N, C-alpha and C. Protein backbone atom coordinates (compact mmCIF):
# COMPACT_ATOMS: atom_id res chain seq x y z
N MET A 1 -3.53 -4.75 -19.84
CA MET A 1 -2.88 -4.07 -19.13
C MET A 1 -1.94 -4.53 -18.63
N CYS A 2 -0.51 -3.83 -18.71
CA CYS A 2 0.58 -4.19 -18.41
C CYS A 2 1.16 -3.52 -17.01
N LEU A 3 1.79 -4.20 -15.98
CA LEU A 3 2.10 -3.49 -15.03
C LEU A 3 3.65 -3.63 -14.70
N ALA A 4 4.32 -2.90 -14.24
CA ALA A 4 5.69 -2.79 -13.81
C ALA A 4 5.88 -3.61 -12.36
N ILE A 5 6.53 -4.38 -12.46
CA ILE A 5 7.11 -5.36 -11.08
C ILE A 5 8.43 -5.21 -10.44
N PRO A 6 8.50 -5.21 -9.29
CA PRO A 6 10.08 -5.12 -8.62
C PRO A 6 10.59 -6.63 -8.68
N LEU A 7 11.82 -6.30 -9.30
CA LEU A 7 12.63 -8.04 -9.23
C LEU A 7 14.05 -7.36 -8.68
N CYS A 8 14.33 -8.82 -8.03
CA CYS A 8 15.79 -8.51 -7.47
C CYS A 8 16.76 -9.14 -8.87
N ILE A 9 18.13 -8.20 -9.21
CA ILE A 9 18.57 -8.78 -10.05
C ILE A 9 19.57 -9.98 -9.54
N THR A 10 19.67 -11.16 -9.96
CA THR A 10 20.22 -12.55 -9.61
C THR A 10 21.57 -12.82 -10.50
N GLU A 11 21.41 -12.50 -11.65
CA GLU A 11 22.92 -12.64 -12.62
C GLU A 11 22.57 -11.72 -13.51
N ILE A 12 23.99 -11.19 -13.94
CA ILE A 12 23.93 -10.39 -15.00
C ILE A 12 24.84 -10.89 -15.98
N ASN A 13 24.72 -10.62 -17.40
CA ASN A 13 25.36 -10.94 -18.43
C ASN A 13 25.34 -10.03 -19.83
N GLY A 14 26.21 -8.81 -19.44
CA GLY A 14 26.15 -7.80 -20.42
C GLY A 14 24.69 -7.04 -19.96
N ASN A 15 23.91 -6.72 -21.09
CA ASN A 15 22.69 -5.91 -20.77
C ASN A 15 21.38 -7.20 -20.50
N ASP A 16 21.82 -8.27 -20.59
CA ASP A 16 20.82 -9.68 -20.34
C ASP A 16 21.13 -9.92 -18.75
N ALA A 17 19.89 -10.30 -18.16
CA ALA A 17 19.85 -10.50 -16.61
C ALA A 17 18.94 -11.51 -16.40
N ILE A 18 18.95 -12.05 -14.92
CA ILE A 18 17.81 -12.65 -14.48
C ILE A 18 17.38 -11.91 -13.29
N GLY A 19 15.77 -11.57 -13.29
CA GLY A 19 15.34 -10.84 -12.00
C GLY A 19 14.40 -12.15 -11.36
N GLU A 20 14.36 -12.06 -10.20
CA GLU A 20 13.65 -12.80 -9.31
C GLU A 20 12.83 -12.33 -8.59
N ARG A 21 11.89 -12.86 -8.24
CA ARG A 21 10.33 -12.39 -7.10
C ARG A 21 9.85 -13.83 -6.63
N GLU A 22 10.11 -13.98 -5.42
CA GLU A 22 9.54 -15.01 -4.54
C GLU A 22 9.80 -16.43 -5.43
N GLY A 23 11.14 -16.61 -6.01
CA GLY A 23 11.34 -17.76 -6.46
C GLY A 23 11.28 -17.79 -7.99
N ILE A 24 10.19 -17.03 -8.55
CA ILE A 24 10.02 -16.96 -9.99
C ILE A 24 11.32 -15.97 -10.35
N ARG A 25 11.72 -16.66 -11.47
CA ARG A 25 12.73 -16.21 -12.18
C ARG A 25 12.27 -15.67 -13.75
N ARG A 26 12.78 -14.38 -14.24
CA ARG A 26 12.57 -13.89 -15.04
C ARG A 26 13.83 -13.26 -16.41
N SER A 27 13.89 -13.46 -17.20
CA SER A 27 15.25 -12.60 -18.24
C SER A 27 14.54 -11.11 -18.57
N ILE A 28 15.46 -10.59 -18.41
CA ILE A 28 15.18 -8.98 -18.16
C ILE A 28 16.50 -8.37 -18.81
N ARG A 29 16.17 -7.08 -19.35
CA ARG A 29 17.09 -6.43 -19.92
C ARG A 29 17.51 -5.06 -19.26
N LEU A 30 18.72 -4.68 -19.28
CA LEU A 30 19.24 -3.72 -18.21
C LEU A 30 19.69 -2.69 -19.01
N ASP A 31 19.13 -2.29 -20.42
CA ASP A 31 19.61 -1.29 -21.25
C ASP A 31 19.48 0.26 -20.51
N PHE A 32 18.61 0.47 -19.81
CA PHE A 32 17.91 1.45 -19.17
C PHE A 32 18.75 1.97 -17.81
N ILE A 33 19.46 0.93 -17.23
CA ILE A 33 20.12 0.95 -15.92
C ILE A 33 21.44 1.25 -16.05
N GLU A 34 21.92 2.15 -15.38
CA GLU A 34 23.44 2.35 -15.27
C GLU A 34 24.29 1.36 -14.42
N ASN A 35 25.45 1.07 -14.67
CA ASN A 35 25.92 0.17 -13.61
C ASN A 35 25.05 -0.74 -12.65
N PRO A 36 24.43 -1.70 -13.29
CA PRO A 36 23.42 -2.66 -12.44
C PRO A 36 24.32 -3.53 -11.74
N LYS A 37 24.12 -4.00 -10.38
CA LYS A 37 24.48 -4.67 -9.62
C LYS A 37 23.71 -6.34 -9.25
N VAL A 38 24.22 -7.33 -8.95
CA VAL A 38 23.58 -8.34 -8.63
C VAL A 38 23.03 -8.09 -7.07
N GLY A 39 22.01 -8.27 -6.63
CA GLY A 39 21.37 -7.87 -5.14
C GLY A 39 20.61 -6.50 -5.55
N GLU A 40 20.57 -5.89 -6.64
CA GLU A 40 19.82 -4.59 -6.60
C GLU A 40 18.49 -5.18 -7.13
N TYR A 41 17.49 -4.35 -6.48
CA TYR A 41 15.77 -4.54 -6.73
C TYR A 41 15.68 -3.40 -8.20
N VAL A 42 15.09 -3.63 -9.04
CA VAL A 42 14.60 -2.76 -10.37
C VAL A 42 13.11 -3.02 -10.53
N ILE A 43 12.45 -2.15 -10.90
CA ILE A 43 11.19 -2.04 -11.62
C ILE A 43 11.37 -2.57 -12.97
N VAL A 44 10.48 -3.71 -13.35
CA VAL A 44 10.82 -4.32 -14.70
C VAL A 44 9.45 -4.24 -15.33
N HIS A 45 9.42 -3.48 -16.64
CA HIS A 45 8.19 -3.07 -17.65
C HIS A 45 8.47 -4.00 -18.73
N ALA A 46 7.42 -4.79 -19.57
CA ALA A 46 7.64 -5.53 -20.34
C ALA A 46 9.15 -6.15 -20.88
N GLY A 47 9.51 -6.60 -19.72
CA GLY A 47 11.00 -7.37 -20.01
C GLY A 47 12.22 -6.36 -19.73
N PHE A 48 12.04 -5.04 -19.52
CA PHE A 48 12.93 -3.89 -19.22
C PHE A 48 13.00 -3.55 -17.97
N ALA A 49 14.32 -3.50 -17.31
CA ALA A 49 14.49 -2.71 -16.10
C ALA A 49 14.26 -1.19 -16.31
N ILE A 50 13.32 -0.71 -15.74
CA ILE A 50 13.41 0.94 -16.02
C ILE A 50 13.89 1.72 -14.72
N GLU A 51 13.96 1.28 -13.61
CA GLU A 51 14.43 2.20 -12.77
C GLU A 51 15.02 1.05 -11.47
N ARG A 52 15.87 1.86 -10.64
CA ARG A 52 16.46 1.41 -9.53
C ARG A 52 15.31 1.73 -8.34
N LEU A 53 15.32 0.38 -7.53
CA LEU A 53 14.29 0.51 -6.27
C LEU A 53 14.97 0.31 -5.05
N GLY A 54 14.98 1.09 -4.15
CA GLY A 54 15.62 0.68 -2.77
C GLY A 54 15.04 -0.58 -1.99
N GLU A 55 15.70 -1.45 -1.51
CA GLU A 55 15.35 -2.90 -1.07
C GLU A 55 13.89 -2.86 -0.23
N GLU A 56 13.69 -1.66 1.10
CA GLU A 56 12.65 -1.45 1.30
C GLU A 56 11.88 -1.20 0.82
N GLN A 57 11.54 -0.13 -0.28
CA GLN A 57 10.35 -0.14 -0.97
C GLN A 57 9.85 -1.20 -1.82
N ALA A 58 11.10 -2.02 -2.53
CA ALA A 58 10.74 -2.96 -3.39
C ALA A 58 10.32 -4.33 -2.62
N LYS A 59 10.63 -4.34 -1.07
CA LYS A 59 9.84 -5.25 -0.21
C LYS A 59 8.50 -5.00 -0.09
N ALA A 60 8.13 -3.67 -0.04
CA ALA A 60 6.83 -3.17 0.54
C ALA A 60 5.82 -3.36 -1.05
N ASN A 61 6.54 -3.36 -2.00
CA ASN A 61 5.80 -3.13 -3.18
C ASN A 61 5.37 -4.82 -3.56
N ILE A 62 6.31 -5.62 -3.06
CA ILE A 62 6.05 -7.23 -3.02
C ILE A 62 5.05 -7.42 -2.43
N ALA A 63 4.91 -7.00 -1.15
CA ALA A 63 3.83 -7.29 -0.15
C ALA A 63 2.64 -6.72 -0.52
N ALA A 64 2.32 -5.80 -1.17
CA ALA A 64 1.30 -5.26 -1.45
C ALA A 64 0.78 -5.87 -2.71
N ALA A 65 1.61 -6.35 -3.73
CA ALA A 65 1.25 -7.11 -4.83
C ALA A 65 0.75 -8.55 -4.33
N ARG A 66 1.45 -9.16 -3.61
CA ARG A 66 1.06 -10.43 -2.81
C ARG A 66 -0.49 -10.22 -2.18
N GLU A 67 -0.50 -9.26 -1.68
CA GLU A 67 -2.09 -8.84 -0.87
C GLU A 67 -3.09 -8.95 -2.00
N VAL A 68 -2.93 -8.24 -3.21
CA VAL A 68 -3.68 -8.05 -4.23
C VAL A 68 -4.05 -9.57 -4.89
N GLU A 69 -3.02 -10.22 -5.09
CA GLU A 69 -3.14 -11.34 -5.55
C GLU A 69 -3.94 -12.57 -4.60
N ASN A 70 -3.80 -12.36 -3.60
CA ASN A 70 -4.65 -12.98 -2.67
C ASN A 70 -6.33 -12.64 -2.51
N GLU A 71 -6.50 -11.37 -2.76
CA GLU A 71 -7.58 -11.10 -2.53
C GLU A 71 -8.48 -11.43 -4.11
N LEU A 72 -7.47 -11.47 -5.16
CA LEU A 72 -8.10 -11.89 -6.22
C LEU A 72 -8.51 -13.84 -6.47
N ARG A 73 -7.63 -13.95 -5.62
CA ARG A 73 -8.04 -15.50 -5.37
C ARG A 73 -9.22 -15.69 -4.97
N ASN A 74 -9.51 -14.90 -3.86
CA ASN A 74 -10.89 -15.16 -2.97
C ASN A 74 -12.24 -14.52 -3.92
N LEU A 75 -11.76 -14.12 -4.92
CA LEU A 75 -13.27 -13.53 -5.59
C LEU A 75 -14.27 -14.50 -6.09
């Protein structure tokens, strides 16, 4: 199963970028995002940013993912 995750764009080099979440950095592609900017949040699936996400929603999604991760550790 693959999940789409929110990442904050921290570096851009053409259609290649670095996205970050809680200190974890990932290489991502920006082919589907028009005029991406450093500091924006995007939903990433299979290494591709597929949609912009507002900061408030991104932070809520990250908090929800953190909660699920913590619960899985307690199983």
